[in-house]
Amino acid sequence: MTNSFGVVKLMRNLKIGDEVVSDEKGTLTKFIGWMELDRHTETEFLEIETLDGEKLILTESHNVFFYKNGKSTPTYASNLIPGDLLVGGSGKGKIIKNIHAVKKVGYLDPLTNSGTIVSNNISASCYGSFPHYLANLALKPAKMFPTLLLDNEESQHREGTRAYVTFIKWIGGSFRDRENSMNFSYNFILWTSTTSSLTFGIISYIIFGKFRERGASVMF
């Protein structure tokens, strides 16, 4: 990816506070922490290669942007086929030449303030497993309180899935798996609402507890 100085940087070398290009317009966004970080697990990915030689490696459930009816649209990597037009980091479309499965050791899942990132000159989402815009809504509390719910200077080097991400995936999976008459989008809205309410409740409890420990009074 490209940072604010125009220098290409490997994703694994990102540090909290780094500014990177987030979309085809060249907009900068800050990296605020890892949702998942693993350096040792062998994982199956899709390798997407464009006609101009760019390559993007990501899981099949990860969201990436392509042009649909001339509009930048997020979709799962598994939905793409050769001939589709990806959104390039420069704003120009990139035609997919081929897609094939590969196995790699380790995986990274960074979160930026915008929820998007340009990798290998291709515009991608930070999210997988759930639709981009809904996942972006569910991660809003983590963006507001990243050092509390995601990473700090010390924890950014630790491997594993962050607790908040595990939490919302569990809730999201529960709603998605419910076998009733409600459709998935409605279930997801319920999930994001529940997640946000619980998260803010926990944060309020922690903050109130800290004030109480210090003998301070809080007025609302």
Protein backbone atom coordinates (compact mmCIF):
# COMPACT_ATOMS: atom_id res chain seq x y z
CA MET A 1 0.00 0.00 0.00
CA THR A 2 1.02 3.64 -0.37
CA ASN A 3 1.50 5.93 2.63
CA SER A 4 1.06 9.69 2.95
CA PHE A 5 4.59 10.27 1.61
CA GLY A 6 3.91 8.32 -1.57
CA VAL A 7 6.10 5.45 -0.38
CA VAL A 8 4.98 1.87 -0.97
CA LYS A 9 4.82 -0.03 2.32
CA LEU A 10 4.15 -3.68 3.09
CA MET A 11 0.90 -4.22 4.98
CA ARG A 12 2.62 -6.24 7.70
CA ASN A 13 4.81 -3.22 8.52
CA LEU A 14 1.90 -0.91 9.32
CA LYS A 15 2.03 0.90 12.67
CA ILE A 16 -0.81 2.62 14.49
CA GLY A 17 -1.18 6.17 13.20
CA ASP A 18 0.26 5.47 9.75
CA GLU A 19 -1.66 7.23 6.99
CA VAL A 20 -2.37 5.21 3.85
CA VAL A 21 -4.30 5.72 0.63
CA SER A 22 -7.86 4.51 1.13
CA ASP A 23 -9.63 4.83 -2.22
CA GLU A 24 -9.42 5.59 -5.92
CA LYS A 25 -9.49 9.33 -5.20
CA GLY A 26 -6.24 9.17 -3.26
CA THR A 27 -7.91 10.00 0.05
CA LEU A 28 -5.71 9.34 3.08
CA THR A 29 -6.92 7.41 6.13
CA LYS A 30 -5.27 6.31 9.37
CA PHE A 31 -4.47 2.74 10.31
CA ILE A 32 -5.90 2.26 13.82
CA GLY A 33 -5.14 -1.39 14.56
CA TRP A 34 -5.49 -5.02 13.55
CA MET A 35 -8.77 -6.88 13.56
CA GLU A 36 -6.83 -10.09 13.01
CA LEU A 37 -3.12 -10.82 12.88
CA ASP A 38 -1.55 -14.23 12.26
CA ARG A 39 1.94 -15.05 11.02
CA HIS A 40 1.92 -18.83 11.16
CA THR A 41 -1.39 -20.38 10.01
CA GLU A 42 -1.62 -21.75 6.48
CA THR A 43 -4.69 -20.21 4.86
CA GLU A 44 -6.48 -20.57 1.52
CA PHE A 45 -6.75 -17.38 -0.52
CA LEU A 46 -7.80 -16.21 -3.96
CA GLU A 47 -5.13 -14.56 -6.07
CA ILE A 48 -6.64 -12.01 -8.44
CA GLU A 49 -4.45 -10.89 -11.34
CA THR A 50 -5.32 -7.99 -13.61
CA LEU A 51 -4.36 -7.44 -17.25
CA ASP A 52 -1.78 -4.85 -16.26
CA GLY A 53 -0.02 -7.32 -13.96
CA GLU A 54 -1.30 -6.19 -10.56
CA LYS A 55 -2.12 -8.94 -8.05
CA LEU A 56 -4.32 -8.96 -4.98
CA ILE A 57 -4.40 -11.90 -2.56
CA LEU A 58 -7.33 -12.15 -0.18
CA THR A 59 -9.80 -14.66 1.24
CA GLU A 60 -12.85 -15.50 -0.85
CA SER A 61 -15.16 -13.85 1.70
CA HIS A 62 -13.23 -10.57 1.74
CA ASN A 63 -14.85 -7.51 0.15
CA VAL A 64 -13.24 -5.78 -2.81
CA PHE A 65 -14.53 -2.95 -5.01
CA PHE A 66 -15.47 -3.36 -8.67
CA TYR A 67 -17.43 -1.30 -11.15
CA LYS A 68 -21.06 -2.30 -11.47
CA ASN A 69 -23.07 -0.21 -13.92
CA GLY A 70 -20.26 2.34 -13.73
CA LYS A 71 -20.42 2.64 -9.93
CA SER A 72 -17.82 1.50 -7.39
CA THR A 73 -19.48 -1.42 -5.60
CA PRO A 74 -18.22 -3.78 -2.87
CA THR A 75 -18.58 -7.52 -3.37
CA TYR A 76 -17.07 -10.71 -2.01
CA ALA A 77 -13.95 -11.84 -3.87
CA SER A 78 -15.68 -15.17 -4.56
CA ASN A 79 -18.26 -13.34 -6.70
CA LEU A 80 -15.69 -11.95 -9.12
CA ILE A 81 -14.90 -13.50 -12.49
CA PRO A 82 -12.34 -12.79 -15.22
CA GLY A 83 -13.43 -9.75 -17.20
CA ASP A 84 -14.83 -7.88 -14.20
CA LEU A 85 -13.53 -4.35 -13.76
CA LEU A 86 -11.88 -3.69 -10.41
CA VAL A 87 -11.59 -0.19 -8.95
CA GLY A 88 -7.95 0.80 -9.27
CA GLY A 89 -6.17 2.93 -6.71
CA SER A 90 -5.64 5.56 -9.37
CA GLY A 91 -9.34 5.61 -10.24
CA LYS A 92 -8.85 3.69 -13.47
CA GLY A 93 -10.56 0.36 -13.91
CA LYS A 94 -8.46 -2.81 -13.80
CA ILE A 95 -9.71 -5.77 -15.80
CA ILE A 96 -9.39 -9.14 -14.08
CA LYS A 97 -7.26 -11.52 -16.15
CA ASN A 98 -7.56 -14.61 -13.98
CA ILE A 99 -8.41 -15.82 -10.50
CA HIS A 100 -7.00 -18.90 -8.84
CA ALA A 101 -6.73 -20.43 -5.37
CA VAL A 102 -3.43 -20.26 -3.48
CA LYS A 103 -2.23 -21.21 -0.02
CA LYS A 104 -0.16 -18.79 2.02
CA VAL A 105 1.17 -18.76 5.57
CA GLY A 106 -0.27 -16.03 7.76
CA TYR A 107 -2.96 -13.41 7.24
CA LEU A 108 -3.53 -9.76 8.11
CA ASP A 109 -6.74 -7.81 8.57
CA PRO A 110 -6.08 -4.10 9.18
CA LEU A 111 -8.71 -1.56 10.16
CA THR A 112 -8.57 2.04 8.96
CA ASN A 113 -10.81 4.95 9.90
CA SER A 114 -12.46 4.80 6.49
CA GLY A 115 -12.91 1.02 6.49
CA THR A 116 -11.16 0.87 3.12
CA ILE A 117 -7.59 0.53 1.90
CA VAL A 118 -5.74 0.47 -1.42
CA SER A 119 -3.54 -2.61 -1.73
CA ASN A 120 -1.36 -3.27 -4.78
CA ASN A 121 -3.14 -0.37 -6.47
CA ILE A 122 -6.57 -2.01 -6.05
CA SER A 123 -9.32 -0.60 -3.83
CA ALA A 124 -10.42 -3.04 -1.16
CA SER A 125 -12.53 -3.14 1.97
CA CYS A 126 -11.08 -3.85 5.40
CA TYR A 127 -13.86 -6.37 6.00
CA GLY A 128 -14.69 -9.95 5.18
CA SER A 129 -17.52 -12.43 5.92
CA PHE A 130 -20.20 -9.71 6.07
CA PRO A 131 -21.32 -6.98 3.62
CA HIS A 132 -18.95 -4.00 3.59
CA TYR A 133 -21.34 -1.20 4.56
CA LEU A 134 -22.97 -3.14 7.39
CA ALA A 135 -19.61 -4.31 8.74
CA ASN A 136 -18.41 -0.72 8.61
CA LEU A 137 -21.36 0.26 10.79
CA ALA A 138 -20.68 -2.57 13.26
CA LEU A 139 -17.02 -1.49 13.61
CA LYS A 140 -17.92 2.13 14.34
CA PRO A 141 -17.42 1.74 18.13
CA ALA A 142 -13.93 0.30 17.52
CA LYS A 143 -13.09 3.32 15.38
CA MET A 144 -14.29 5.69 18.08
CA PHE A 145 -12.37 3.90 20.85
CA PRO A 146 -9.59 1.98 19.06
CA THR A 147 -7.17 1.75 22.00
CA LEU A 148 -9.94 0.35 24.18
CA LEU A 149 -11.58 -2.04 21.71
CA LEU A 150 -8.85 -2.82 19.21
CA ASP A 151 -5.15 -2.05 19.62
CA ASN A 152 -2.62 0.17 21.34
CA GLU A 153 1.11 0.66 20.82
CA GLU A 154 1.89 -2.58 22.66
CA SER A 155 -0.90 -4.90 21.54
CA GLN A 156 -0.51 -4.07 17.83
CA HIS A 157 2.34 -6.60 17.69
CA ARG A 158 0.37 -9.46 19.21
CA GLU A 159 -1.13 -12.19 17.08
CA GLY A 160 -4.76 -13.25 17.22
CA THR A 161 -8.28 -12.00 16.57
CA ARG A 162 -9.12 -8.96 18.67
CA ALA A 163 -11.78 -9.59 21.33
CA TYR A 164 -14.22 -6.99 19.98
CA VAL A 165 -14.03 -8.52 16.49
CA THR A 166 -14.66 -12.01 17.91
CA PHE A 167 -17.60 -10.56 19.83
CA ILE A 168 -19.33 -8.95 16.85
CA LYS A 169 -18.67 -11.98 14.62
CA TRP A 170 -20.34 -14.18 17.20
CA ILE A 171 -23.38 -11.91 17.40
CA GLY A 172 -23.49 -11.50 13.61
CA GLY A 173 -23.26 -15.26 13.09
CA SER A 174 -26.07 -15.84 15.56
CA PHE A 175 -28.39 -13.49 13.72
CA ARG A 176 -27.37 -14.81 10.31
CA ASP A 177 -28.03 -18.40 11.31
CA ARG A 178 -31.48 -17.80 12.71
CA GLU A 179 -34.04 -19.76 10.75
CA ASN A 180 -37.06 -17.52 10.67
CA SER A 181 -38.94 -15.28 8.30
CA MET A 182 -36.63 -12.29 8.68
CA ASN A 183 -34.11 -11.72 5.89
CA PHE A 184 -30.38 -11.40 6.51
CA SER A 185 -30.24 -7.62 6.05
CA TYR A 186 -32.83 -7.10 8.76
CA ASN A 187 -31.00 -9.53 11.05
CA PHE A 188 -27.76 -7.65 10.40
CA ILE A 189 -29.37 -4.34 11.34
CA LEU A 190 -30.49 -5.93 14.59
CA TRP A 191 -26.95 -7.23 15.06
CA THR A 192 -25.29 -3.84 14.57
CA SER A 193 -27.79 -2.16 16.87
CA THR A 194 -27.27 -4.79 19.55
CA THR A 195 -23.50 -4.65 19.16
CA SER A 196 -23.38 -0.87 19.40
CA SER A 197 -25.65 -0.78 22.45
CA LEU A 198 -23.67 -3.44 24.30
CA THR A 199 -20.36 -1.84 23.36
CA PHE A 200 -21.32 1.61 24.55
CA GLY A 201 -22.73 0.07 27.72
CA ILE A 202 -19.40 -1.63 28.42
CA ILE A 203 -17.43 1.53 27.62
CA SER A 204 -19.67 3.62 29.87
CA TYR A 205 -19.24 1.11 32.67
CA ILE A 206 -15.45 1.18 32.31
CA ILE A 207 -15.28 4.98 32.16
CA PHE A 208 -17.70 5.38 35.07
CA GLY A 209 -15.70 2.84 37.06
CA LYS A 210 -12.50 4.79 36.49
CA PHE A 211 -14.13 8.02 37.61
CA ARG A 212 -15.56 6.30 40.68
CA GLU A 213 -12.14 4.85 41.56
CA ARG A 214 -10.72 8.37 41.45
CA GLY A 215 -13.52 9.72 43.62
CA ALA A 216 -14.80 11.90 40.81
CA SER A 217 -18.42 12.78 40.12
CA VAL A 218 -19.91 12.46 36.68
CA MET A 219 -22.80 14.61 35.45
CA PHE A 220 -24.93 13.69 32.45
